Amino acid sequence: MSATSDESARLRSDSTLHRAEIDWDRREPVSHTVQAALSDVEECSATELDPLADYVDPDALEAFFAGTPAERGDRSLTFEYGEYTVHVDGTGRVIVD
């Protein structure tokens, strides 16, 4: 797991990546959006996936992106999930490569 901002620019430049958006207004957990994005890529239900906790601590993920939009805006986090690289940034973008 790494927190970077340079990787964010690299990931956004690849049009073949799967993208999802966190709905901050609905206070949607980051982990739910990550699981939804992974289930879209895998074309299965989120319940059919390996537990997210096997790859990243969901509580740590939520804590890392807690705060106001200004506080989390420059944050980004990248981790491996099986064969995928998952990138989440403070603007709400979730990218699965």
PDB file of N, CA and C in Angstrom:
ATOM      1  N   MET A   1       0.860  -1.152   0.000  1.00  0.00           N
ATOM      2  CA  MET A   1       0.000   0.000   0.000  1.00  0.00           C
ATOM      3  C   MET A   1       0.904   1.211   0.000  1.00  0.00           C
ATOM      4  N   SER A   2       0.615   2.186  -0.848  1.00  0.00           N
ATOM      5  CA  SER A   2       1.414   3.403  -0.884  1.00  0.00           C
ATOM      6  C   SER A   2       0.525   4.600  -1.104  1.00  0.00           C
ATOM      7  N   ALA A   3       0.954   5.714  -0.588  1.00  0.00           N
ATOM      8  CA  ALA A   3       0.235   6.967  -0.762  1.00  0.00           C
ATOM      9  C   ALA A   3       1.077   7.855  -1.661  1.00  0.00           C
ATOM     10  N   THR A   4       0.580   8.118  -2.871  1.00  0.00           N
ATOM     11  CA  THR A   4       1.344   8.921  -3.817  1.00  0.00           C
ATOM     12  C   THR A   4       0.425   9.865  -4.560  1.00  0.00           C
ATOM     13  N   SER A   5       1.007  10.903  -5.117  1.00  0.00           N
ATOM     14  CA  SER A   5       0.222  11.783  -5.971  1.00  0.00           C
ATOM     15  C   SER A   5       0.662  11.662  -7.422  1.00  0.00           C
ATOM     16  N   ASP A   6       1.943  11.322  -7.683  1.00  0.00           N
ATOM     17  CA  ASP A   6       2.424  11.178  -9.049  1.00  0.00           C
ATOM     18  C   ASP A   6       1.753  10.024  -9.768  1.00  0.00           C
ATOM     19  N   GLU A   7       1.467   8.957  -9.051  1.00  0.00           N
ATOM     20  CA  GLU A   7       0.836   7.794  -9.661  1.00  0.00           C
ATOM     21  C   GLU A   7      -0.569   8.138 -10.133  1.00  0.00           C
ATOM     22  N   SER A   8      -1.220   9.046  -9.460  1.00  0.00           N
ATOM     23  CA  SER A   8      -2.564   9.463  -9.839  1.00  0.00           C
ATOM     24  C   SER A   8      -2.588   9.973 -11.275  1.00  0.00           C
ATOM     25  N   ALA A   9      -1.637  10.805 -11.629  1.00  0.00           N
ATOM     26  CA  ALA A   9      -1.578  11.357 -12.987  1.00  0.00           C
ATOM     27  C   ALA A   9      -1.336  10.250 -14.006  1.00  0.00           C
ATOM     28  N   ARG A  10      -0.462   9.310 -13.688  1.00  0.00           N
ATOM     29  CA  ARG A  10      -0.178   8.220 -14.614  1.00  0.00           C
ATOM     30  C   ARG A  10      -1.412   7.370 -14.841  1.00  0.00           C
ATOM     31  N   LEU A  11      -2.132   7.047 -13.784  1.00  0.00           N
ATOM     32  CA  LEU A  11      -3.301   6.197 -13.912  1.00  0.00           C
ATOM     33  C   LEU A  11      -4.410   6.869 -14.709  1.00  0.00           C
ATOM     34  N   ARG A  12      -4.604   8.159 -14.513  1.00  0.00           N
ATOM     35  CA  ARG A  12      -5.676   8.852 -15.225  1.00  0.00           C
ATOM     36  C   ARG A  12      -5.438   8.918 -16.726  1.00  0.00           C
ATOM     37  N   SER A  13      -4.182   8.746 -17.152  1.00  0.00           N
ATOM     38  CA  SER A  13      -3.880   8.876 -18.570  1.00  0.00           C
ATOM     39  C   SER A  13      -4.220   7.625 -19.375  1.00  0.00           C
ATOM     40  N   ASP A  14      -4.517   6.523 -18.735  1.00  0.00           N
ATOM     41  CA  ASP A  14      -4.800   5.264 -19.415  1.00  0.00           C
ATOM     42  C   ASP A  14      -6.310   5.062 -19.535  1.00  0.00           C
ATOM     43  N   SER A  15      -6.819   5.113 -20.765  1.00  0.00           N
ATOM     44  CA  SER A  15      -8.266   5.040 -20.977  1.00  0.00           C
ATOM     45  C   SER A  15      -8.830   3.629 -20.825  1.00  0.00           C
ATOM     46  N   THR A  16      -7.998   2.610 -20.635  1.00  0.00           N
ATOM     47  CA  THR A  16      -8.493   1.238 -20.510  1.00  0.00           C
ATOM     48  C   THR A  16      -8.800   0.855 -19.063  1.00  0.00           C
ATOM     49  N   LEU A  17      -8.586   1.746 -18.137  1.00  0.00           N
ATOM     50  CA  LEU A  17      -8.795   1.456 -16.728  1.00  0.00           C
ATOM     51  C   LEU A  17     -10.261   1.567 -16.353  1.00  0.00           C
ATOM     52  N   HIS A  18     -10.649   0.820 -15.325  1.00  0.00           N
ATOM     53  CA  HIS A  18     -12.013   0.920 -14.809  1.00  0.00           C
ATOM     54  C   HIS A  18     -12.056   2.021 -13.760  1.00  0.00           C
ATOM     55  N   ARG A  19     -13.023   2.911 -13.881  1.00  0.00           N
ATOM     56  CA  ARG A  19     -13.138   4.033 -12.953  1.00  0.00           C
ATOM     57  C   ARG A  19     -14.480   4.010 -12.239  1.00  0.00           C
ATOM     58  N   ALA A  20     -14.467   4.465 -10.984  1.00  0.00           N
ATOM     59  CA  ALA A  20     -15.682   4.634 -10.189  1.00  0.00           C
ATOM     60  C   ALA A  20     -15.500   5.905  -9.367  1.00  0.00           C
ATOM     61  N   GLU A  21     -16.592   6.413  -8.836  1.00  0.00           N
ATOM     62  CA  GLU A  21     -16.548   7.638  -8.031  1.00  0.00           C
ATOM     63  C   GLU A  21     -17.176   7.388  -6.664  1.00  0.00           C
ATOM     64  N   ILE A  22     -16.516   7.858  -5.630  1.00  0.00           N
ATOM     65  CA  ILE A  22     -17.061   7.789  -4.275  1.00  0.00           C
ATOM     66  C   ILE A  22     -18.083   8.909  -4.132  1.00  0.00           C
ATOM     67  N   ASP A  23     -19.243   8.596  -3.597  1.00  0.00           N
ATOM     68  CA  ASP A  23     -20.269   9.606  -3.362  1.00  0.00           C
ATOM     69  C   ASP A  23     -20.095  10.160  -1.949  1.00  0.00           C
ATOM     70  N   TRP A  24     -19.253  11.197  -1.836  1.00  0.00           N
ATOM     71  CA  TRP A  24     -18.968  11.788  -0.525  1.00  0.00           C
ATOM     72  C   TRP A  24     -20.239  12.369   0.105  1.00  0.00           C
ATOM     73  N   ASP A  25     -21.135  12.923  -0.710  1.00  0.00           N
ATOM     74  CA  ASP A  25     -22.358  13.536  -0.176  1.00  0.00           C
ATOM     75  C   ASP A  25     -23.222  12.521   0.558  1.00  0.00           C
ATOM     76  N   ARG A  26     -23.219  11.300   0.090  1.00  0.00           N
ATOM     77  CA  ARG A  26     -24.009  10.235   0.738  1.00  0.00           C
ATOM     78  C   ARG A  26     -23.230   9.553   1.846  1.00  0.00           C
ATOM     79  N   ARG A  27     -22.011  10.044   2.091  1.00  0.00           N
ATOM     80  CA  ARG A  27     -21.121   9.457   3.103  1.00  0.00           C
ATOM     81  C   ARG A  27     -20.870   7.978   2.819  1.00  0.00           C
ATOM     82  N   GLU A  28     -20.774   7.665   1.547  1.00  0.00           N
ATOM     83  CA  GLU A  28     -20.537   6.296   1.113  1.00  0.00           C
ATOM     84  C   GLU A  28     -19.135   5.852   1.540  1.00  0.00           C
ATOM     85  N   PRO A  29     -19.028   4.708   2.193  1.00  0.00           N
ATOM     86  CA  PRO A  29     -17.699   4.233   2.582  1.00  0.00           C
ATOM     87  C   PRO A  29     -16.802   4.005   1.364  1.00  0.00           C
ATOM     88  N   VAL A  30     -15.561   4.380   1.497  1.00  0.00           N
ATOM     89  CA  VAL A  30     -14.585   4.185   0.426  1.00  0.00           C
ATOM     90  C   VAL A  30     -14.517   2.712   0.054  1.00  0.00           C
ATOM     91  N   SER A  31     -14.531   1.857   1.056  1.00  0.00           N
ATOM     92  CA  SER A  31     -14.419   0.419   0.805  1.00  0.00           C
ATOM     93  C   SER A  31     -15.565  -0.108  -0.051  1.00  0.00           C
ATOM     94  N   HIS A  32     -16.750   0.449   0.099  1.00  0.00           N
ATOM     95  CA  HIS A  32     -17.889   0.003  -0.720  1.00  0.00           C
ATOM     96  C   HIS A  32     -17.675   0.342  -2.186  1.00  0.00           C
ATOM     97  N   THR A  33     -17.162   1.536  -2.446  1.00  0.00           N
ATOM     98  CA  THR A  33     -16.903   1.926  -3.838  1.00  0.00           C
ATOM     99  C   THR A  33     -15.797   1.072  -4.434  1.00  0.00           C
ATOM    100  N   VAL A  34     -14.774   0.784  -3.652  1.00  0.00           N
ATOM    101  CA  VAL A  34     -13.687  -0.079  -4.126  1.00  0.00           C
ATOM    102  C   VAL A  34     -14.234  -1.465  -4.460  1.00  0.00           C
ATOM    103  N   GLN A  35     -15.035  -2.030  -3.573  1.00  0.00           N
ATOM    104  CA  GLN A  35     -15.618  -3.355  -3.828  1.00  0.00           C
ATOM    105  C   GLN A  35     -16.525  -3.338  -5.052  1.00  0.00           C
ATOM    106  N   ALA A  36     -17.307  -2.285  -5.219  1.00  0.00           N
ATOM    107  CA  ALA A  36     -18.188  -2.180  -6.387  1.00  0.00           C
ATOM    108  C   ALA A  36     -17.368  -2.116  -7.672  1.00  0.00           C
ATOM    109  N   ALA A  37     -16.286  -1.346  -7.657  1.00  0.00           N
ATOM    110  CA  ALA A  37     -15.432  -1.240  -8.842  1.00  0.00           C
ATOM    111  C   ALA A  37     -14.795  -2.586  -9.170  1.00  0.00           C
ATOM    112  N   LEU A  38     -14.315  -3.286  -8.159  1.00  0.00           N
ATOM    113  CA  LEU A  38     -13.719  -4.605  -8.385  1.00  0.00           C
ATOM    114  C   LEU A  38     -14.748  -5.610  -8.890  1.00  0.00           C
ATOM    115  N   SER A  39     -15.961  -5.550  -8.361  1.00  0.00           N
ATOM    116  CA  SER A  39     -16.994  -6.488  -8.826  1.00  0.00           C
ATOM    117  C   SER A  39     -17.394  -6.180 -10.267  1.00  0.00           C
ATOM    118  N   ASP A  40     -17.370  -4.899 -10.648  1.00  0.00           N
ATOM    119  CA  ASP A  40     -17.630  -4.548 -12.051  1.00  0.00           C
ATOM    120  C   ASP A  40     -16.563  -5.133 -12.968  1.00  0.00           C
ATOM    121  N   VAL A  41     -15.312  -5.001 -12.566  1.00  0.00           N
ATOM    122  CA  VAL A  41     -14.208  -5.521 -13.372  1.00  0.00           C
ATOM    123  C   VAL A  41     -14.293  -7.041 -13.491  1.00  0.00           C
ATOM    124  N   GLU A  42     -14.600  -7.687 -12.384  1.00  0.00           N
ATOM    125  CA  GLU A  42     -14.687  -9.150 -12.357  1.00  0.00           C
ATOM    126  C   GLU A  42     -16.019  -9.673 -12.889  1.00  0.00           C
ATOM    127  N   GLU A  43     -16.974  -8.776 -13.106  1.00  0.00           N
ATOM    128  CA  GLU A  43     -18.312  -9.142 -13.565  1.00  0.00           C
ATOM    129  C   GLU A  43     -18.956 -10.172 -12.642  1.00  0.00           C
ATOM    130  N   CYS A  44     -18.947  -9.825 -11.347  1.00  0.00           N
ATOM    131  CA  CYS A  44     -19.555 -10.694 -10.345  1.00  0.00           C
ATOM    132  C   CYS A  44     -20.098  -9.834  -9.205  1.00  0.00           C
ATOM    133  N   SER A  45     -20.773 -10.461  -8.289  1.00  0.00           N
ATOM    134  CA  SER A  45     -21.263  -9.775  -7.103  1.00  0.00           C
ATOM    135  C   SER A  45     -20.091  -9.489  -6.169  1.00  0.00           C
ATOM    136  N   ALA A  46     -20.177  -8.399  -5.419  1.00  0.00           N
ATOM    137  CA  ALA A  46     -19.123  -8.068  -4.454  1.00  0.00           C
ATOM    138  C   ALA A  46     -18.947  -9.179  -3.425  1.00  0.00           C
ATOM    139  N   THR A  47     -20.015  -9.910  -3.145  1.00  0.00           N
ATOM    140  CA  THR A  47     -19.922 -11.007  -2.169  1.00  0.00           C
ATOM    141  C   THR A  47     -19.129 -12.197  -2.710  1.00  0.00           C
ATOM    142  N   GLU A  48     -18.929 -12.246  -4.017  1.00  0.00           N
ATOM    143  CA  GLU A  48     -18.165 -13.334  -4.624  1.00  0.00           C
ATOM    144  C   GLU A  48     -16.662 -13.044  -4.648  1.00  0.00           C
ATOM    145  N   LEU A  49     -16.277 -11.828  -4.334  1.00  0.00           N
ATOM    146  CA  LEU A  49     -14.870 -11.435  -4.348  1.00  0.00           C
ATOM    147  C   LEU A  49     -14.167 -11.900  -3.076  1.00  0.00           C
ATOM    148  N   ASP A  50     -12.830 -11.998  -3.146  1.00  0.00           N
ATOM    149  CA  ASP A  50     -12.050 -12.194  -1.926  1.00  0.00           C
ATOM    150  C   ASP A  50     -12.311 -10.997  -1.025  1.00  0.00           C
ATOM    151  N   PRO A  51     -12.311 -11.194   0.286  1.00  0.00           N
ATOM    152  CA  PRO A  51     -12.545 -10.062   1.185  1.00  0.00           C
ATOM    153  C   PRO A  51     -11.512  -8.949   0.980  1.00  0.00           C
ATOM    154  N   LEU A  52     -11.987  -7.738   0.938  1.00  0.00           N
ATOM    155  CA  LEU A  52     -11.103  -6.591   0.775  1.00  0.00           C
ATOM    156  C   LEU A  52     -10.058  -6.564   1.891  1.00  0.00           C
ATOM    157  N   ALA A  53     -10.464  -6.991   3.085  1.00  0.00           N
ATOM    158  CA  ALA A  53      -9.562  -6.995   4.246  1.00  0.00           C
ATOM    159  C   ALA A  53      -8.350  -7.906   4.054  1.00  0.00           C
ATOM    160  N   ASP A  54      -8.396  -8.812   3.084  1.00  0.00           N
ATOM    161  CA  ASP A  54      -7.233  -9.651   2.782  1.00  0.00           C
ATOM    162  C   ASP A  54      -6.130  -8.845   2.100  1.00  0.00           C
ATOM    163  N   TYR A  55      -6.466  -7.647   1.597  1.00  0.00           N
ATOM    164  CA  TYR A  55      -5.529  -6.844   0.815  1.00  0.00           C
ATOM    165  C   TYR A  55      -5.240  -5.473   1.419  1.00  0.00           C
ATOM    166  N   VAL A  56      -6.223  -4.911   2.103  1.00  0.00           N
ATOM    167  CA  VAL A  56      -6.066  -3.593   2.723  1.00  0.00           C
ATOM    168  C   VAL A  56      -7.008  -3.539   3.922  1.00  0.00           C
ATOM    169  N   ASP A  57      -6.610  -2.835   4.953  1.00  0.00           N
ATOM    170  CA  ASP A  57      -7.456  -2.694   6.139  1.00  0.00           C
ATOM    171  C   ASP A  57      -8.574  -1.694   5.824  1.00  0.00           C
ATOM    172  N   PRO A  58      -9.829  -2.152   5.745  1.00  0.00           N
ATOM    173  CA  PRO A  58     -10.928  -1.233   5.397  1.00  0.00           C
ATOM    174  C   PRO A  58     -11.071  -0.062   6.371  1.00  0.00           C
ATOM    175  N   ASP A  59     -10.809  -0.297   7.655  1.00  0.00           N
ATOM    176  CA  ASP A  59     -10.894   0.794   8.627  1.00  0.00           C
ATOM    177  C   ASP A  59      -9.802   1.835   8.377  1.00  0.00           C
ATOM    178  N   ALA A  60      -8.604   1.373   8.049  1.00  0.00           N
ATOM    179  CA  ALA A  60      -7.505   2.297   7.733  1.00  0.00           C
ATOM    180  C   ALA A  60      -7.812   3.071   6.451  1.00  0.00           C
ATOM    181  N   LEU A  61      -8.434   2.403   5.494  1.00  0.00           N
ATOM    182  CA  LEU A  61      -8.828   3.055   4.248  1.00  0.00           C
ATOM    183  C   LEU A  61      -9.811   4.193   4.530  1.00  0.00           C
ATOM    184  N   GLU A  62     -10.810   3.920   5.361  1.00  0.00           N
ATOM    185  CA  GLU A  62     -11.795   4.951   5.721  1.00  0.00           C
ATOM    186  C   GLU A  62     -11.127   6.094   6.483  1.00  0.00           C
ATOM    187  N   ALA A  63     -10.246   5.756   7.425  1.00  0.00           N
ATOM    188  CA  ALA A  63      -9.584   6.784   8.231  1.00  0.00           C
ATOM    189  C   ALA A  63      -8.683   7.667   7.377  1.00  0.00           C
ATOM    190  N   PHE A  64      -8.004   7.064   6.407  1.00  0.00           N
ATOM    191  CA  PHE A  64      -7.101   7.824   5.546  1.00  0.00           C
ATOM    192  C   PHE A  64      -7.851   8.890   4.752  1.00  0.00           C
ATOM    193  N   PHE A  65      -9.072   8.577   4.348  1.00  0.00           N
ATOM    194  CA  PHE A  65      -9.858   9.517   3.550  1.00  0.00           C
ATOM    195  C   PHE A  65     -10.908  10.265   4.365  1.00  0.00           C
ATOM    196  N   ALA A  66     -10.795  10.240   5.681  1.00  0.00           N
ATOM    197  CA  ALA A  66     -11.711  11.000   6.533  1.00  0.00           C
ATOM    198  C   ALA A  66     -11.349  12.486   6.461  1.00  0.00           C
ATOM    199  N   GLY A  67     -12.305  13.317   6.794  1.00  0.00           N
ATOM    200  CA  GLY A  67     -12.046  14.755   6.838  1.00  0.00           C
ATOM    201  C   GLY A  67     -12.827  15.507   5.788  1.00  0.00           C
ATOM    202  N   THR A  68     -12.553  16.780   5.717  1.00  0.00           N
ATOM    203  CA  THR A  68     -13.234  17.653   4.764  1.00  0.00           C
ATOM    204  C   THR A  68     -12.647  17.457   3.370  1.00  0.00           C
ATOM    205  N   PRO A  69     -13.354  17.917   2.343  1.00  0.00           N
ATOM    206  CA  PRO A  69     -12.790  17.821   0.986  1.00  0.00           C
ATOM    207  C   PRO A  69     -11.409  18.477   0.877  1.00  0.00           C
ATOM    208  N   ALA A  70     -11.216  19.590   1.549  1.00  0.00           N
ATOM    209  CA  ALA A  70      -9.912  20.260   1.504  1.00  0.00           C
ATOM    210  C   ALA A  70      -8.827  19.423   2.170  1.00  0.00           C
ATOM    211  N   GLU A  71      -9.181  18.743   3.246  1.00  0.00           N
ATOM    212  CA  GLU A  71      -8.211  17.918   3.968  1.00  0.00           C
ATOM    213  C   GLU A  71      -7.824  16.675   3.183  1.00  0.00           C
ATOM    214  N   ARG A  72      -8.768  16.058   2.503  1.00  0.00           N
ATOM    215  CA  ARG A  72      -8.467  14.804   1.806  1.00  0.00           C
ATOM    216  C   ARG A  72      -8.125  14.996   0.333  1.00  0.00           C
ATOM    217  N   GLY A  73      -8.289  16.199  -0.183  1.00  0.00           N
ATOM    218  CA  GLY A  73      -8.129  16.454  -1.616  1.00  0.00           C
ATOM    219  C   GLY A  73      -6.810  16.016  -2.220  1.00  0.00           C
ATOM    220  N   ASP A  74      -5.706  16.158  -1.496  1.00  0.00           N
ATOM    221  CA  ASP A  74      -4.393  15.799  -2.029  1.00  0.00           C
ATOM    222  C   ASP A  74      -3.962  14.383  -1.675  1.00  0.00           C
ATOM    223  N   ARG A  75      -4.808  13.657  -0.995  1.00  0.00           N
ATOM    224  CA  ARG A  75      -4.443  12.301  -0.586  1.00  0.00           C
ATOM    225  C   ARG A  75      -4.699  11.307  -1.710  1.00  0.00           C
ATOM    226  N   SER A  76      -3.843  10.309  -1.777  1.00  0.00           N
ATOM    227  CA  SER A  76      -4.081   9.199  -2.701  1.00  0.00           C
ATOM    228  C   SER A  76      -3.445   7.951  -2.120  1.00  0.00           C
ATOM    229  N   LEU A  77      -3.997   6.822  -2.498  1.00  0.00           N
ATOM    230  CA  LEU A  77      -3.561   5.553  -1.950  1.00  0.00           C
ATOM    231  C   LEU A  77      -3.637   4.508  -3.056  1.00  0.00           C
ATOM    232  N   THR A  78      -2.609   3.694  -3.159  1.00  0.00           N
ATOM    233  CA  THR A  78      -2.566   2.627  -4.156  1.00  0.00           C
ATOM    234  C   THR A  78      -2.233   1.318  -3.449  1.00  0.00           C
ATOM    235  N   PHE A  79      -2.978   0.263  -3.794  1.00  0.00           N
ATOM    236  CA  PHE A  79      -2.692  -1.053  -3.216  1.00  0.00           C
ATOM    237  C   PHE A  79      -3.011  -2.127  -4.244  1.00  0.00           C
ATOM    238  N   GLU A  80      -2.459  -3.290  -4.010  1.00  0.00           N
ATOM    239  CA  GLU A  80      -2.684  -4.440  -4.884  1.00  0.00           C
ATOM    240  C   GLU A  80      -3.863  -5.244  -4.350  1.00  0.00           C
ATOM    241  N   TYR A  81      -4.698  -5.688  -5.266  1.00  0.00           N
ATOM    242  CA  TYR A  81      -5.807  -6.591  -4.946  1.00  0.00           C
ATOM    243  C   TYR A  81      -5.735  -7.709  -5.975  1.00  0.00           C
ATOM    244  N   GLY A  82      -5.172  -8.842  -5.573  1.00  0.00           N
ATOM    245  CA  GLY A  82      -4.986  -9.936  -6.537  1.00  0.00           C
ATOM    246  C   GLY A  82      -4.150  -9.460  -7.707  1.00  0.00           C
ATOM    247  N   GLU A  83      -4.677  -9.619  -8.899  1.00  0.00           N
ATOM    248  CA  GLU A  83      -3.956  -9.217 -10.107  1.00  0.00           C
ATOM    249  C   GLU A  83      -4.147  -7.733 -10.439  1.00  0.00           C
ATOM    250  N   TYR A  84      -4.916  -7.029  -9.657  1.00  0.00           N
ATOM    251  CA  TYR A  84      -5.243  -5.635  -9.933  1.00  0.00           C
ATOM    252  C   TYR A  84      -4.474  -4.659  -9.053  1.00  0.00           C
ATOM    253  N   THR A  85      -4.263  -3.478  -9.586  1.00  0.00           N
ATOM    254  CA  THR A  85      -3.780  -2.346  -8.806  1.00  0.00           C
ATOM    255  C   THR A  85      -4.964  -1.420  -8.629  1.00  0.00           C
ATOM    256  N   VAL A  86      -5.252  -1.068  -7.394  1.00  0.00           N
ATOM    257  CA  VAL A  86      -6.377  -0.189  -7.069  1.00  0.00           C
ATOM    258  C   VAL A  86      -5.812   1.139  -6.593  1.00  0.00           C
ATOM    259  N   HIS A  87      -6.278   2.209  -7.190  1.00  0.00           N
ATOM    260  CA  HIS A  87      -5.843   3.555  -6.828  1.00  0.00           C
ATOM    261  C   HIS A  87      -7.072   4.345  -6.389  1.00  0.00           C
ATOM    262  N   VAL A  88      -6.979   4.977  -5.228  1.00  0.00           N
ATOM    263  CA  VAL A  88      -8.063   5.804  -4.699  1.00  0.00           C
ATOM    264  C   VAL A  88      -7.468   7.171  -4.411  1.00  0.00           C
ATOM    265  N   ASP A  89      -8.174   8.228  -4.803  1.00  0.00           N
ATOM    266  CA  ASP A  89      -7.679   9.554  -4.436  1.00  0.00           C
ATOM    267  C   ASP A  89      -8.750  10.351  -3.692  1.00  0.00           C
ATOM    268  N   GLY A  90      -8.305  11.421  -3.087  1.00  0.00           N
ATOM    269  CA  GLY A  90      -9.155  12.225  -2.227  1.00  0.00           C
ATOM    270  C   GLY A  90     -10.267  12.969  -2.920  1.00  0.00           C
ATOM    271  N   THR A  91     -10.232  13.008  -4.243  1.00  0.00           N
ATOM    272  CA  THR A  91     -11.330  13.638  -4.978  1.00  0.00           C
ATOM    273  C   THR A  91     -12.493  12.671  -5.162  1.00  0.00           C
ATOM    274  N   GLY A  92     -12.265  11.391  -4.810  1.00  0.00           N
ATOM    275  CA  GLY A  92     -13.314  10.394  -4.924  1.00  0.00           C
ATOM    276  C   GLY A  92     -13.140   9.416  -6.057  1.00  0.00           C
ATOM    277  N   ARG A  93     -12.073   9.536  -6.800  1.00  0.00           N
ATOM    278  CA  ARG A  93     -11.832   8.608  -7.909  1.00  0.00           C
ATOM    279  C   ARG A  93     -11.288   7.284  -7.411  1.00  0.00           C
ATOM    280  N   VAL A  94     -11.847   6.223  -7.944  1.00  0.00           N
ATOM    281  CA  VAL A  94     -11.337   4.869  -7.708  1.00  0.00           C
ATOM    282  C   VAL A  94     -11.003   4.306  -9.080  1.00  0.00           C
ATOM    283  N   ILE A  95      -9.755   3.868  -9.242  1.00  0.00           N
ATOM    284  CA  ILE A  95      -9.308   3.347 -10.529  1.00  0.00           C
ATOM    285  C   ILE A  95      -8.767   1.943 -10.305  1.00  0.00           C
ATOM    286  N   VAL A  96      -9.250   0.993 -11.104  1.00  0.00           N
ATOM    287  CA  VAL A  96      -8.786  -0.392 -11.031  1.00  0.00           C
ATOM    288  C   VAL A  96      -8.065  -0.702 -12.328  1.00  0.00           C
ATOM    289  N   ASP A  97      -6.826  -1.105 -12.206  1.00  0.00           N
ATOM    290  CA  ASP A  97      -5.983  -1.415 -13.357  1.00  0.00           C
ATOM    291  C   ASP A  97      -5.638  -2.892 -13.334  1.00  0.00           C
TER     292      ASP A  97
END
